[in-house]
């Protein structure tokens, strides 16, 4: 990457304040930046950090008028940096063009001419791979899987039979999609497995983090909607239906047959009970235990999950509880009748 600050301002659609001829060679944090770096500042209240950085320039919120270095003012510094990195430092696909000679591909699989297949990939019967698909080393793609155009699977992803991925999907290393759901009934000698014969259908522009697992449906489909982003180490149970543009952070667990509607945000380590619905636009706090359905467009937190403000009041009351108990015991001692000394 080697460009001018003026060219960067054009890429991100920002307002340049300062010398546009400054040469930029990399993007870095304010702490790690040097004299050929452009950095970014997310919030105006942190503007004092610009006095300490060695960056040549910074991308800043549009409400910041001046700074001790050249700046590019934009509506969203995070989105601007994303656009800049996409243009100047595009991500590297998980495999180079062509098919590696160690790949094992079923004769009945259908692959577009421009796929990229890495070493030791296995592709099962009747699987179909669209244009621009890239598959990293050691990945397994089961029978009857469908992978649409420009989807990337990084090394050691596992797709069980019948998994369908849309266009521009990214699946990171270690993810397992289509494993059996945890479906059992009680038999005479313990748990009896219910065959899991459904599938998994994932929409377009979905990203799935490393070591995340998505179970196939018992019957029908487990579904992930367009634009949804799933972090590392997330567990999604069988027959879960997740809408469009949902964000799910790491170590979240979603039990079977739960419905997550469009635009929901789920923070890290949240747990969601089976057979509930989280309404569109709702927000689930970190480590929340969601035991019943959540209405649209409200925030919940705590265990069991409650409206966020109520949960905060309960947490504050718990912090004060030891002191309250101490005062209560003191008051009880004051109110106790004096001991009988034997006098009439």
C-alpha atoms as a PDB file:
ATOM      1  CA  UNK A   1       0.000   0.000   0.000  1.00  0.00           C
ATOM      2  CA  UNK A   2       1.439   3.355  -1.057  1.00  0.00           C
ATOM      3  CA  UNK A   3      -0.881   6.262  -1.762  1.00  0.00           C
ATOM      4  CA  UNK A   4      -1.507   9.907  -0.888  1.00  0.00           C
ATOM      5  CA  UNK A   5      -3.782  11.234   1.800  1.00  0.00           C
ATOM      6  CA  UNK A   6      -5.886  12.945  -0.869  1.00  0.00           C
ATOM      7  CA  UNK A   7      -6.458   9.581  -2.593  1.00  0.00           C
ATOM      8  CA  UNK A   8      -7.474   8.045   0.731  1.00  0.00           C
ATOM      9  CA  UNK A   9      -9.964  10.883   1.293  1.00  0.00           C
ATOM     10  CA  UNK A  10     -11.479  10.092  -2.104  1.00  0.00           C
ATOM     11  CA  UNK A  11     -11.747   6.374  -1.301  1.00  0.00           C
ATOM     12  CA  UNK A  12     -13.557   6.962   2.007  1.00  0.00           C
ATOM     13  CA  UNK A  13     -15.595   9.957   0.810  1.00  0.00           C
ATOM     14  CA  UNK A  14     -14.243  12.224   3.549  1.00  0.00           C
ATOM     15  CA  UNK A  15     -13.411  15.897   4.019  1.00  0.00           C
ATOM     16  CA  UNK A  16      -9.634  16.408   3.989  1.00  0.00           C
ATOM     17  CA  UNK A  17      -8.161  19.000   6.368  1.00  0.00           C
ATOM     18  CA  UNK A  18      -4.410  19.358   5.829  1.00  0.00           C
ATOM     19  CA  UNK A  19      -1.773  18.390   3.282  1.00  0.00           C
ATOM     20  CA  UNK A  20      -3.180  15.937   0.766  1.00  0.00           C
ATOM     21  CA  UNK A  21       0.257  15.086  -0.669  1.00  0.00           C
ATOM     22  CA  UNK A  22       1.327  13.206   2.473  1.00  0.00           C
ATOM     23  CA  UNK A  23       2.395   9.664   1.523  1.00  0.00           C
ATOM     24  CA  UNK A  24       0.639   6.820   3.366  1.00  0.00           C
ATOM     25  CA  UNK A  25       1.962   3.254   3.348  1.00  0.00           C
ATOM     26  CA  UNK A  26      -0.111   1.502   5.983  1.00  0.00           C
ATOM     27  CA  UNK A  27      -3.121   1.648   8.293  1.00  0.00           C
ATOM     28  CA  UNK A  28      -2.375   1.361  12.015  1.00  0.00           C
ATOM     29  CA  UNK A  29      -3.798   2.035  15.456  1.00  0.00           C
ATOM     30  CA  UNK A  30      -2.984   5.356  17.095  1.00  0.00           C
ATOM     31  CA  UNK A  31      -0.565   3.577  19.431  1.00  0.00           C
ATOM     32  CA  UNK A  32       1.302   1.652  16.710  1.00  0.00           C
ATOM     33  CA  UNK A  33       1.291   4.284  13.961  1.00  0.00           C
ATOM     34  CA  UNK A  34       4.440   5.838  12.497  1.00  0.00           C
ATOM     35  CA  UNK A  35       5.189   8.652  10.060  1.00  0.00           C
ATOM     36  CA  UNK A  36       3.770   6.810   7.042  1.00  0.00           C
ATOM     37  CA  UNK A  37       0.625   5.532   8.748  1.00  0.00           C
ATOM     38  CA  UNK A  38      -2.982   6.680   8.676  1.00  0.00           C
ATOM     39  CA  UNK A  39      -4.900   5.883  11.836  1.00  0.00           C
ATOM     40  CA  UNK A  40      -8.435   6.530  13.023  1.00  0.00           C
ATOM     41  CA  UNK A  41     -10.300   7.970  15.983  1.00  0.00           C
ATOM     42  CA  UNK A  42     -13.768   6.602  16.731  1.00  0.00           C
ATOM     43  CA  UNK A  43     -15.047   9.216  19.195  1.00  0.00           C
ATOM     44  CA  UNK A  44     -14.526  12.964  19.487  1.00  0.00           C
ATOM     45  CA  UNK A  45     -14.172  12.737  23.270  1.00  0.00           C
ATOM     46  CA  UNK A  46     -10.917  10.835  22.701  1.00  0.00           C
ATOM     47  CA  UNK A  47      -9.414  13.641  20.571  1.00  0.00           C
ATOM     48  CA  UNK A  48      -6.621  14.166  23.106  1.00  0.00           C
ATOM     49  CA  UNK A  49      -5.036  10.922  21.834  1.00  0.00           C
ATOM     50  CA  UNK A  50      -4.214  12.691  18.559  1.00  0.00           C
ATOM     51  CA  UNK A  51      -1.595  14.767  20.408  1.00  0.00           C
ATOM     52  CA  UNK A  52       0.293  11.612  21.374  1.00  0.00           C
ATOM     53  CA  UNK A  53       0.210   9.570  18.159  1.00  0.00           C
ATOM     54  CA  UNK A  54       3.061   9.487  15.636  1.00  0.00           C
ATOM     55  CA  UNK A  55       0.605   8.888  12.761  1.00  0.00           C
ATOM     56  CA  UNK A  56       0.962  10.989   9.616  1.00  0.00           C
ATOM     57  CA  UNK A  57      -2.809  11.502   9.510  1.00  0.00           C
ATOM     58  CA  UNK A  58      -6.036  10.261  11.028  1.00  0.00           C
ATOM     59  CA  UNK A  59      -9.583   9.490   9.977  1.00  0.00           C
ATOM     60  CA  UNK A  60     -11.886  11.172  12.507  1.00  0.00           C
ATOM     61  CA  UNK A  61     -15.600  11.865  13.172  1.00  0.00           C
ATOM     62  CA  UNK A  62     -17.005  14.684  11.051  1.00  0.00           C
ATOM     63  CA  UNK A  63     -17.749  16.782  14.152  1.00  0.00           C
ATOM     64  CA  UNK A  64     -14.037  17.225  14.937  1.00  0.00           C
ATOM     65  CA  UNK A  65     -13.040  20.565  13.392  1.00  0.00           C
ATOM     66  CA  UNK A  66      -9.269  20.655  13.921  1.00  0.00           C
ATOM     67  CA  UNK A  67      -6.393  18.445  15.065  1.00  0.00           C
ATOM     68  CA  UNK A  68      -2.608  18.629  15.458  1.00  0.00           C
ATOM     69  CA  UNK A  69      -2.133  16.510  12.302  1.00  0.00           C
ATOM     70  CA  UNK A  70      -3.862  16.175   8.919  1.00  0.00           C
ATOM     71  CA  UNK A  71      -7.319  14.613   9.259  1.00  0.00           C
ATOM     72  CA  UNK A  72     -10.061  13.183   7.091  1.00  0.00           C
ATOM     73  CA  UNK A  73     -13.497  13.882   8.564  1.00  0.00           C
ATOM     74  CA  UNK A  74     -16.161  11.239   7.930  1.00  0.00           C
ATOM     75  CA  UNK A  75     -19.558  10.215   9.316  1.00  0.00           C
ATOM     76  CA  UNK A  76     -18.295   6.832  10.525  1.00  0.00           C
ATOM     77  CA  UNK A  77     -14.550   6.282  10.999  1.00  0.00           C
ATOM     78  CA  UNK A  78     -15.097   2.521  11.368  1.00  0.00           C
ATOM     79  CA  UNK A  79     -16.903   2.256   8.025  1.00  0.00           C
ATOM     80  CA  UNK A  80     -14.287   4.476   6.391  1.00  0.00           C
ATOM     81  CA  UNK A  81     -11.448   2.245   7.587  1.00  0.00           C
ATOM     82  CA  UNK A  82     -13.336  -0.831   6.388  1.00  0.00           C
ATOM     83  CA  UNK A  83     -13.688   0.725   2.931  1.00  0.00           C
ATOM     84  CA  UNK A  84     -10.022   1.738   2.889  1.00  0.00           C
ATOM     85  CA  UNK A  85      -8.757  -1.719   3.863  1.00  0.00           C
ATOM     86  CA  UNK A  86     -11.039  -3.385   1.323  1.00  0.00           C
ATOM     87  CA  UNK A  87      -9.624  -1.264  -1.509  1.00  0.00           C
ATOM     88  CA  UNK A  88      -5.967  -1.003  -0.473  1.00  0.00           C
ATOM     89  CA  UNK A  89      -5.433  -4.292   1.363  1.00  0.00           C
ATOM     90  CA  UNK A  90      -8.030  -6.725   0.013  1.00  0.00           C
ATOM     91  CA  UNK A  91      -8.321 -10.017   1.895  1.00  0.00           C
ATOM     92  CA  UNK A  92      -6.392 -12.995   0.580  1.00  0.00           C
ATOM     93  CA  UNK A  93      -8.529 -15.967  -0.486  1.00  0.00           C
ATOM     94  CA  UNK A  94      -7.958 -19.261   1.354  1.00  0.00           C
ATOM     95  CA  UNK A  95      -6.507 -20.985  -1.718  1.00  0.00           C
ATOM     96  CA  UNK A  96      -4.747 -19.911  -4.945  1.00  0.00           C
ATOM     97  CA  UNK A  97      -6.553 -20.329  -8.284  1.00  0.00           C
ATOM     98  CA  UNK A  98      -6.823 -23.845  -9.614  1.00  0.00           C
ATOM     99  CA  UNK A  99      -7.232 -27.293  -8.073  1.00  0.00           C
ATOM    100  CA  UNK A 100      -4.421 -28.719  -5.965  1.00  0.00           C
ATOM    101  CA  UNK A 101      -3.358 -32.219  -7.082  1.00  0.00           C
ATOM    102  CA  UNK A 102      -3.946 -33.667  -3.600  1.00  0.00           C
ATOM    103  CA  UNK A 103      -7.639 -32.694  -3.580  1.00  0.00           C
ATOM    104  CA  UNK A 104     -10.109 -35.607  -3.682  1.00  0.00           C
ATOM    105  CA  UNK A 105     -13.145 -34.682  -5.765  1.00  0.00           C
ATOM    106  CA  UNK A 106     -16.081 -36.933  -6.584  1.00  0.00           C
ATOM    107  CA  UNK A 107     -16.639 -37.455 -10.328  1.00  0.00           C
ATOM    108  CA  UNK A 108     -20.265 -36.377  -9.827  1.00  0.00           C
ATOM    109  CA  UNK A 109     -19.355 -33.031  -8.220  1.00  0.00           C
ATOM    110  CA  UNK A 110     -19.894 -29.946 -10.382  1.00  0.00           C
ATOM    111  CA  UNK A 111     -17.256 -27.214 -10.118  1.00  0.00           C
ATOM    112  CA  UNK A 112     -17.070 -23.896 -11.958  1.00  0.00           C
ATOM    113  CA  UNK A 113     -13.962 -23.361 -14.049  1.00  0.00           C
ATOM    114  CA  UNK A 114     -12.554 -20.602 -11.822  1.00  0.00           C
ATOM    115  CA  UNK A 115     -12.720 -22.288  -8.406  1.00  0.00           C
ATOM    116  CA  UNK A 116      -9.717 -22.382  -6.067  1.00  0.00           C
ATOM    117  CA  UNK A 117      -9.254 -25.694  -4.253  1.00  0.00           C
ATOM    118  CA  UNK A 118      -6.426 -26.093  -1.721  1.00  0.00           C
ATOM    119  CA  UNK A 119      -4.442 -29.169  -0.637  1.00  0.00           C
ATOM    120  CA  UNK A 120      -6.232 -32.234   0.753  1.00  0.00           C
ATOM    121  CA  UNK A 121      -9.717 -30.869   0.229  1.00  0.00           C
ATOM    122  CA  UNK A 122     -12.441 -33.527  -0.066  1.00  0.00           C
ATOM    123  CA  UNK A 123     -15.563 -32.809  -2.132  1.00  0.00           C
ATOM    124  CA  UNK A 124     -18.384 -35.347  -2.031  1.00  0.00           C
ATOM    125  CA  UNK A 125     -20.891 -36.705  -4.520  1.00  0.00           C
ATOM    126  CA  UNK A 126     -23.103 -34.237  -6.402  1.00  0.00           C
ATOM    127  CA  UNK A 127     -21.681 -31.204  -4.567  1.00  0.00           C
ATOM    128  CA  UNK A 128     -21.816 -27.994  -6.621  1.00  0.00           C
ATOM    129  CA  UNK A 129     -19.395 -25.056  -6.352  1.00  0.00           C
ATOM    130  CA  UNK A 130     -20.126 -21.756  -8.072  1.00  0.00           C
ATOM    131  CA  UNK A 131     -17.917 -19.181  -9.727  1.00  0.00           C
ATOM    132  CA  UNK A 132     -15.099 -17.754  -7.625  1.00  0.00           C
ATOM    133  CA  UNK A 133     -15.482 -20.222  -4.755  1.00  0.00           C
ATOM    134  CA  UNK A 134     -12.265 -20.734  -2.768  1.00  0.00           C
ATOM    135  CA  UNK A 135     -11.719 -23.704  -0.448  1.00  0.00           C
ATOM    136  CA  UNK A 136      -8.838 -23.842   2.054  1.00  0.00           C
ATOM    137  CA  UNK A 137      -6.629 -26.819   2.818  1.00  0.00           C
ATOM    138  CA  UNK A 138      -8.091 -29.831   4.579  1.00  0.00           C
ATOM    139  CA  UNK A 139     -11.720 -28.781   4.201  1.00  0.00           C
ATOM    140  CA  UNK A 140     -14.404 -31.456   3.862  1.00  0.00           C
ATOM    141  CA  UNK A 141     -17.512 -30.816   1.737  1.00  0.00           C
ATOM    142  CA  UNK A 142     -20.122 -33.555   1.957  1.00  0.00           C
ATOM    143  CA  UNK A 143     -22.453 -34.991  -0.615  1.00  0.00           C
ATOM    144  CA  UNK A 144     -25.155 -32.750  -2.131  1.00  0.00           C
ATOM    145  CA  UNK A 145     -23.685 -29.552  -0.679  1.00  0.00           C
ATOM    146  CA  UNK A 146     -24.228 -26.364  -2.677  1.00  0.00           C
ATOM    147  CA  UNK A 147     -21.800 -23.460  -2.438  1.00  0.00           C
ATOM    148  CA  UNK A 148     -22.784 -20.371  -4.419  1.00  0.00           C
ATOM    149  CA  UNK A 149     -20.517 -17.852  -6.111  1.00  0.00           C
ATOM    150  CA  UNK A 150     -17.593 -16.107  -4.401  1.00  0.00           C
ATOM    151  CA  UNK A 151     -17.927 -17.965  -1.112  1.00  0.00           C
ATOM    152  CA  UNK A 152     -14.739 -18.708   0.826  1.00  0.00           C
ATOM    153  CA  UNK A 153     -14.117 -21.602   3.195  1.00  0.00           C
ATOM    154  CA  UNK A 154     -10.895 -21.323   5.180  1.00  0.00           C
ATOM    155  CA  UNK A 155      -8.791 -24.391   6.116  1.00  0.00           C
ATOM    156  CA  UNK A 156     -10.377 -27.325   7.952  1.00  0.00           C
ATOM    157  CA  UNK A 157     -14.003 -26.321   7.624  1.00  0.00           C
ATOM    158  CA  UNK A 158     -16.443 -29.237   7.675  1.00  0.00           C
ATOM    159  CA  UNK A 159     -19.723 -29.216   5.762  1.00  0.00           C
ATOM    160  CA  UNK A 160     -21.844 -32.310   6.399  1.00  0.00           C
ATOM    161  CA  UNK A 161     -24.055 -33.593   3.598  1.00  0.00           C
ATOM    162  CA  UNK A 162     -26.691 -31.308   2.154  1.00  0.00           C
ATOM    163  CA  UNK A 163     -25.480 -27.947   3.476  1.00  0.00           C
ATOM    164  CA  UNK A 164     -26.297 -24.946   1.275  1.00  0.00           C
ATOM    165  CA  UNK A 165     -24.231 -21.734   1.379  1.00  0.00           C
ATOM    166  CA  UNK A 166     -25.229 -18.558  -0.457  1.00  0.00           C
ATOM    167  CA  UNK A 167     -23.070 -16.022  -2.292  1.00  0.00           C
ATOM    168  CA  UNK A 168     -20.156 -14.123  -0.727  1.00  0.00           C
ATOM    169  CA  UNK A 169     -20.233 -16.241   2.442  1.00  0.00           C
ATOM    170  CA  UNK A 170     -17.080 -16.513   4.579  1.00  0.00           C
ATOM    171  CA  UNK A 171     -16.587 -19.541   6.842  1.00  0.00           C
ATOM    172  CA  UNK A 172     -13.533 -19.510   9.101  1.00  0.00           C
ATOM    173  CA  UNK A 173     -11.326 -22.404  10.148  1.00  0.00           C
ATOM    174  CA  UNK A 174     -12.709 -25.169  12.312  1.00  0.00           C
ATOM    175  CA  UNK A 175     -16.376 -24.331  11.748  1.00  0.00           C
ATOM    176  CA  UNK A 176     -18.682 -27.360  11.510  1.00  0.00           C
ATOM    177  CA  UNK A 177     -21.948 -26.890   9.652  1.00  0.00           C
ATOM    178  CA  UNK A 178     -24.621 -29.557   9.424  1.00  0.00           C
ATOM    179  CA  UNK A 179     -23.634 -31.816  12.320  1.00  0.00           C
ATOM    180  CA  UNK A 180     -26.497 -33.638  14.018  1.00  0.00           C
ATOM    181  CA  UNK A 181     -28.777 -31.673  16.291  1.00  0.00           C
ATOM    182  CA  UNK A 182     -28.974 -32.778  19.914  1.00  0.00           C
ATOM    183  CA  UNK A 183     -32.237 -34.670  19.473  1.00  0.00           C
ATOM    184  CA  UNK A 184     -33.144 -37.563  21.785  1.00  0.00           C
ATOM    185  CA  UNK A 185     -36.179 -39.106  23.370  1.00  0.00           C
ATOM    186  CA  UNK A 186     -36.351 -41.240  26.503  1.00  0.00           C
ATOM    187  CA  UNK A 187     -36.320 -44.987  25.968  1.00  0.00           C
ATOM    188  CA  UNK A 188     -36.398 -48.034  28.175  1.00  0.00           C
ATOM    189  CA  UNK A 189     -32.635 -48.002  28.573  1.00  0.00           C
ATOM    190  CA  UNK A 190     -31.949 -44.262  28.411  1.00  0.00           C
ATOM    191  CA  UNK A 191     -31.735 -41.736  25.616  1.00  0.00           C
ATOM    192  CA  UNK A 192     -32.827 -42.813  22.138  1.00  0.00           C
ATOM    193  CA  UNK A 193     -31.431 -40.797  19.219  1.00  0.00           C
ATOM    194  CA  UNK A 194     -33.915 -39.110  16.891  1.00  0.00           C
ATOM    195  CA  UNK A 195     -32.461 -39.187  13.372  1.00  0.00           C
ATOM    196  CA  UNK A 196     -31.544 -35.688  12.211  1.00  0.00           C
ATOM    197  CA  UNK A 197     -32.549 -35.698   8.550  1.00  0.00           C
ATOM    198  CA  UNK A 198     -32.975 -31.973   7.841  1.00  0.00           C
ATOM    199  CA  UNK A 199     -30.408 -29.569   6.417  1.00  0.00           C
ATOM    200  CA  UNK A 200     -28.775 -26.165   6.892  1.00  0.00           C
ATOM    201  CA  UNK A 201     -29.458 -23.240   4.552  1.00  0.00           C
ATOM    202  CA  UNK A 202     -27.267 -20.145   4.839  1.00  0.00           C
ATOM    203  CA  UNK A 203     -28.010 -16.933   2.942  1.00  0.00           C
ATOM    204  CA  UNK A 204     -25.790 -14.427   1.148  1.00  0.00           C
ATOM    205  CA  UNK A 205     -23.051 -12.277   2.721  1.00  0.00           C
ATOM    206  CA  UNK A 206     -22.997 -14.322   5.939  1.00  0.00           C
ATOM    207  CA  UNK A 207     -19.762 -14.644   7.936  1.00  0.00           C
ATOM    208  CA  UNK A 208     -19.235 -17.574  10.313  1.00  0.00           C
ATOM    209  CA  UNK A 209     -16.407 -17.487  12.854  1.00  0.00           C
ATOM    210  CA  UNK A 210     -13.785 -20.066  13.717  1.00  0.00           C
ATOM    211  CA  UNK A 211     -14.933 -23.196  15.587  1.00  0.00           C
ATOM    212  CA  UNK A 212     -18.583 -22.230  15.394  1.00  0.00           C
ATOM    213  CA  UNK A 213     -21.073 -25.102  15.035  1.00  0.00           C
ATOM    214  CA  UNK A 214     -24.437 -25.011  13.293  1.00  0.00           C
ATOM    215  CA  UNK A 215     -26.606 -28.115  13.658  1.00  0.00           C
ATOM    216  CA  UNK A 216     -28.759 -29.534  10.909  1.00  0.00           C
ATOM    217  CA  UNK A 217     -32.494 -29.623  11.476  1.00  0.00           C
ATOM    218  CA  UNK A 218     -34.303 -32.690  12.744  1.00  0.00           C
ATOM    219  CA  UNK A 219     -36.783 -32.123   9.905  1.00  0.00           C
ATOM    220  CA  UNK A 220     -36.843 -29.138   7.573  1.00  0.00           C
ATOM    221  CA  UNK A 221     -34.010 -26.593   7.756  1.00  0.00           C
ATOM    222  CA  UNK A 222     -31.826 -24.678  10.151  1.00  0.00           C
ATOM    223  CA  UNK A 223     -31.647 -21.233   8.504  1.00  0.00           C
ATOM    224  CA  UNK A 224     -29.288 -18.239   8.655  1.00  0.00           C
ATOM    225  CA  UNK A 225     -30.457 -15.068   6.881  1.00  0.00           C
ATOM    226  CA  UNK A 226     -28.615 -12.704   4.548  1.00  0.00           C
ATOM    227  CA  UNK A 227     -25.926 -10.476   6.026  1.00  0.00           C
ATOM    228  CA  UNK A 228     -25.803 -12.155   9.429  1.00  0.00           C
ATOM    229  CA  UNK A 229     -22.415 -12.154  11.175  1.00  0.00           C
ATOM    230  CA  UNK A 230     -21.539 -14.935  13.635  1.00  0.00           C
ATOM    231  CA  UNK A 231     -18.447 -14.758  15.838  1.00  0.00           C
ATOM    232  CA  UNK A 232     -16.101 -17.573  16.900  1.00  0.00           C
ATOM    233  CA  UNK A 233     -17.224 -20.387  19.219  1.00  0.00           C
ATOM    234  CA  UNK A 234     -20.962 -19.965  18.749  1.00  0.00           C
ATOM    235  CA  UNK A 235     -23.353 -22.946  19.035  1.00  0.00           C
ATOM    236  CA  UNK A 236     -26.563 -22.853  16.981  1.00  0.00           C
ATOM    237  CA  UNK A 237     -28.953 -25.725  17.611  1.00  0.00           C
ATOM    238  CA  UNK A 238     -31.190 -27.676  15.269  1.00  0.00           C
ATOM    239  CA  UNK A 239     -34.112 -25.942  13.543  1.00  0.00           C
ATOM    240  CA  UNK A 240     -32.985 -22.512  14.710  1.00  0.00           C
ATOM    241  CA  UNK A 241     -34.089 -19.761  12.319  1.00  0.00           C
ATOM    242  CA  UNK A 242     -31.967 -16.607  12.273  1.00  0.00           C
ATOM    243  CA  UNK A 243     -33.082 -13.611  10.250  1.00  0.00           C
ATOM    244  CA  UNK A 244     -31.162 -11.062   8.197  1.00  0.00           C
ATOM    245  CA  UNK A 245     -28.381  -8.812   9.503  1.00  0.00           C
ATOM    246  CA  UNK A 246     -28.203 -10.416  12.933  1.00  0.00           C
ATOM    247  CA  UNK A 247     -24.960 -10.041  14.935  1.00  0.00           C
ATOM    248  CA  UNK A 248     -23.977 -12.873  17.314  1.00  0.00           C
ATOM    249  CA  UNK A 249     -20.867 -12.514  19.483  1.00  0.00           C
ATOM    250  CA  UNK A 250     -18.538 -15.239  20.734  1.00  0.00           C
ATOM    251  CA  UNK A 251     -19.539 -18.125  22.999  1.00  0.00           C
ATOM    252  CA  UNK A 252     -23.253 -17.582  22.525  1.00  0.00           C
ATOM    253  CA  UNK A 253     -25.422 -20.692  22.664  1.00  0.00           C
ATOM    254  CA  UNK A 254     -28.817 -20.834  20.919  1.00  0.00           C
ATOM    255  CA  UNK A 255     -30.957 -23.872  21.706  1.00  0.00           C
ATOM    256  CA  UNK A 256     -33.078 -25.690  19.160  1.00  0.00           C
ATOM    257  CA  UNK A 257     -36.112 -24.243  17.366  1.00  0.00           C
ATOM    258  CA  UNK A 258     -35.465 -20.701  18.582  1.00  0.00           C
ATOM    259  CA  UNK A 259     -36.295 -17.867  16.176  1.00  0.00           C
ATOM    260  CA  UNK A 260     -34.031 -14.800  15.994  1.00  0.00           C
ATOM    261  CA  UNK A 261     -35.673 -12.095  13.894  1.00  0.00           C
ATOM    262  CA  UNK A 262     -33.966  -9.487  11.691  1.00  0.00           C
ATOM    263  CA  UNK A 263     -31.436  -7.047  13.121  1.00  0.00           C
ATOM    264  CA  UNK A 264     -31.009  -8.642  16.549  1.00  0.00           C
ATOM    265  CA  UNK A 265     -27.690  -8.108  18.374  1.00  0.00           C
ATOM    266  CA  UNK A 266     -26.549 -10.832  20.812  1.00  0.00           C
ATOM    267  CA  UNK A 267     -23.531 -10.062  22.993  1.00  0.00           C
ATOM    268  CA  UNK A 268     -20.933 -12.597  24.094  1.00  0.00           C
ATOM    269  CA  UNK A 269     -21.660 -15.665  26.231  1.00  0.00           C
ATOM    270  CA  UNK A 270     -25.429 -15.205  26.077  1.00  0.00           C
ATOM    271  CA  UNK A 271     -27.565 -18.337  26.348  1.00  0.00           C
ATOM    272  CA  UNK A 272     -30.973 -18.647  24.687  1.00  0.00           C
ATOM    273  CA  UNK A 273     -33.560 -21.266  25.611  1.00  0.00           C
ATOM    274  CA  UNK A 274     -35.225 -23.462  23.006  1.00  0.00           C
ATOM    275  CA  UNK A 275     -38.541 -22.654  21.301  1.00  0.00           C
ATOM    276  CA  UNK A 276     -38.536 -18.913  22.007  1.00  0.00           C
ATOM    277  CA  UNK A 277     -38.582 -15.883  19.695  1.00  0.00           C
ATOM    278  CA  UNK A 278     -36.345 -12.827  19.891  1.00  0.00           C
ATOM    279  CA  UNK A 279     -38.127  -9.983  18.127  1.00  0.00           C
ATOM    280  CA  UNK A 280     -36.644  -7.822  15.393  1.00  0.00           C
ATOM    281  CA  UNK A 281     -34.114  -5.247  16.536  1.00  0.00           C
ATOM    282  CA  UNK A 282     -33.828  -6.578  20.097  1.00  0.00           C
ATOM    283  CA  UNK A 283     -30.505  -6.514  21.944  1.00  0.00           C
ATOM    284  CA  UNK A 284     -29.303  -9.299  24.261  1.00  0.00           C
ATOM    285  CA  UNK A 285     -26.637  -8.324  26.808  1.00  0.00           C
ATOM    286  CA  UNK A 286     -23.446 -10.243  27.476  1.00  0.00           C
ATOM    287  CA  UNK A 287     -23.894 -13.422  29.582  1.00  0.00           C
ATOM    288  CA  UNK A 288     -27.670 -12.945  29.552  1.00  0.00           C
ATOM    289  CA  UNK A 289     -29.779 -16.039  30.172  1.00  0.00           C
ATOM    290  CA  UNK A 290     -32.819 -15.700  27.915  1.00  0.00           C
ATOM    291  CA  UNK A 291     -35.524 -18.022  29.232  1.00  0.00           C
ATOM    292  CA  UNK A 292     -38.556 -16.583  27.453  1.00  0.00           C
ATOM    293  CA  UNK A 293     -39.378 -14.690  24.275  1.00  0.00           C
ATOM    294  CA  UNK A 294     -38.106 -11.127  23.886  1.00  0.00           C
ATOM    295  CA  UNK A 295     -40.324  -8.461  22.276  1.00  0.00           C
ATOM    296  CA  UNK A 296     -38.980  -6.490  19.302  1.00  0.00           C
ATOM    297  CA  UNK A 297     -36.647  -3.523  19.777  1.00  0.00           C
ATOM    298  CA  UNK A 298     -35.945  -3.837  23.497  1.00  0.00           C
ATOM    299  CA  UNK A 299     -32.683  -4.572  25.311  1.00  0.00           C
ATOM    300  CA  UNK A 300     -32.454  -7.310  27.928  1.00  0.00           C
ATOM    301  CA  UNK A 301     -29.645  -8.492  30.195  1.00  0.00           C
ATOM    302  CA  UNK A 302     -28.977 -10.517  33.329  1.00  0.00           C
ATOM    303  CA  UNK A 303     -30.189 -13.937  34.412  1.00  0.00           C
ATOM    304  CA  UNK A 304     -32.973 -14.539  33.897  1.00  0.00           C
ATOM    305  CA  UNK A 305     -32.903 -11.859  31.214  1.00  0.00           C
ATOM    306  CA  UNK A 306     -34.998  -8.793  32.015  1.00  0.00           C
ATOM    307  CA  UNK A 307     -35.316  -5.348  30.437  1.00  0.00           C
ATOM    308  CA  UNK A 308     -31.858  -3.846  30.703  1.00  0.00           C
ATOM    309  CA  UNK A 309     -32.689  -0.929  33.012  1.00  0.00           C
ATOM    310  CA  UNK A 310     -34.504  -3.247  35.416  1.00  0.00           C
ATOM    311  CA  UNK A 311     -31.562  -5.662  35.380  1.00  0.00           C
ATOM    312  CA  UNK A 312     -29.175  -2.799  36.187  1.00  0.00           C
ATOM    313  CA  UNK A 313     -31.293  -1.742  39.168  1.00  0.00           C
ATOM    314  CA  UNK A 314     -31.342  -5.320  40.460  1.00  0.00           C
ATOM    315  CA  UNK A 315     -27.559  -5.561  40.093  1.00  0.00           C
ATOM    316  CA  UNK A 316     -27.092  -2.287  41.947  1.00  0.00           C
ATOM    317  CA  UNK A 317     -29.393  -3.512  44.733  1.00  0.00           C
ATOM    318  CA  UNK A 318     -27.393  -6.741  45.060  1.00  0.00           C
ATOM    319  CA  UNK A 319     -24.196  -4.750  45.531  1.00  0.00           C
ATOM    320  CA  UNK A 320     -25.810  -2.853  48.408  1.00  0.00           C
ATOM    321  CA  UNK A 321     -27.369  -5.962  49.972  1.00  0.00           C
ATOM    322  CA  UNK A 322     -24.555  -6.827  52.459  1.00  0.00           C
ATOM    323  CA  UNK A 323     -24.728  -3.327  53.948  1.00  0.00           C
ATOM    324  CA  UNK A 324     -28.522  -3.448  54.145  1.00  0.00           C
ATOM    325  CA  UNK A 325     -28.381  -6.794  55.971  1.00  0.00           C
ATOM    326  CA  UNK A 326     -25.819  -5.413  58.415  1.00  0.00           C
ATOM    327  CA  UNK A 327     -28.028  -2.434  59.235  1.00  0.00           C
ATOM    328  CA  UNK A 328     -31.067  -4.701  59.567  1.00  0.00           C
ATOM    329  CA  UNK A 329     -29.296  -6.917  62.102  1.00  0.00           C
ATOM    330  CA  UNK A 330     -28.231  -3.848  64.083  1.00  0.00           C
ATOM    331  CA  UNK A 331     -31.808  -2.608  64.113  1.00  0.00           C
ATOM    332  CA  UNK A 332     -33.091  -6.011  65.264  1.00  0.00           C
ATOM    333  CA  UNK A 333     -30.628  -6.008  68.147  1.00  0.00           C
ATOM    334  CA  UNK A 334     -31.826  -2.558  69.230  1.00  0.00           C
ATOM    335  CA  UNK A 335     -35.457  -3.704  69.179  1.00  0.00           C
ATOM    336  CA  UNK A 336     -34.902  -6.927  71.104  1.00  0.00           C
ATOM    337  CA  UNK A 337     -36.457  -6.804  74.635  1.00  0.00           C
ATOM    338  CA  UNK A 338     -33.931  -6.803  77.519  1.00  0.00           C
ATOM    339  CA  UNK A 339     -33.163 -10.212  78.986  1.00  0.00           C
ATOM    340  CA  UNK A 340     -35.170 -11.205  82.063  1.00  0.00           C
ATOM    341  CA  UNK A 341     -32.818 -10.863  85.096  1.00  0.00           C
ATOM    342  CA  UNK A 342     -35.139 -12.773  87.415  1.00  0.00           C
ATOM    343  CA  UNK A 343     -36.732  -9.658  88.965  1.00  0.00           C
ATOM    344  CA  UNK A 344     -40.558  -9.590  89.226  1.00  0.00           C
END
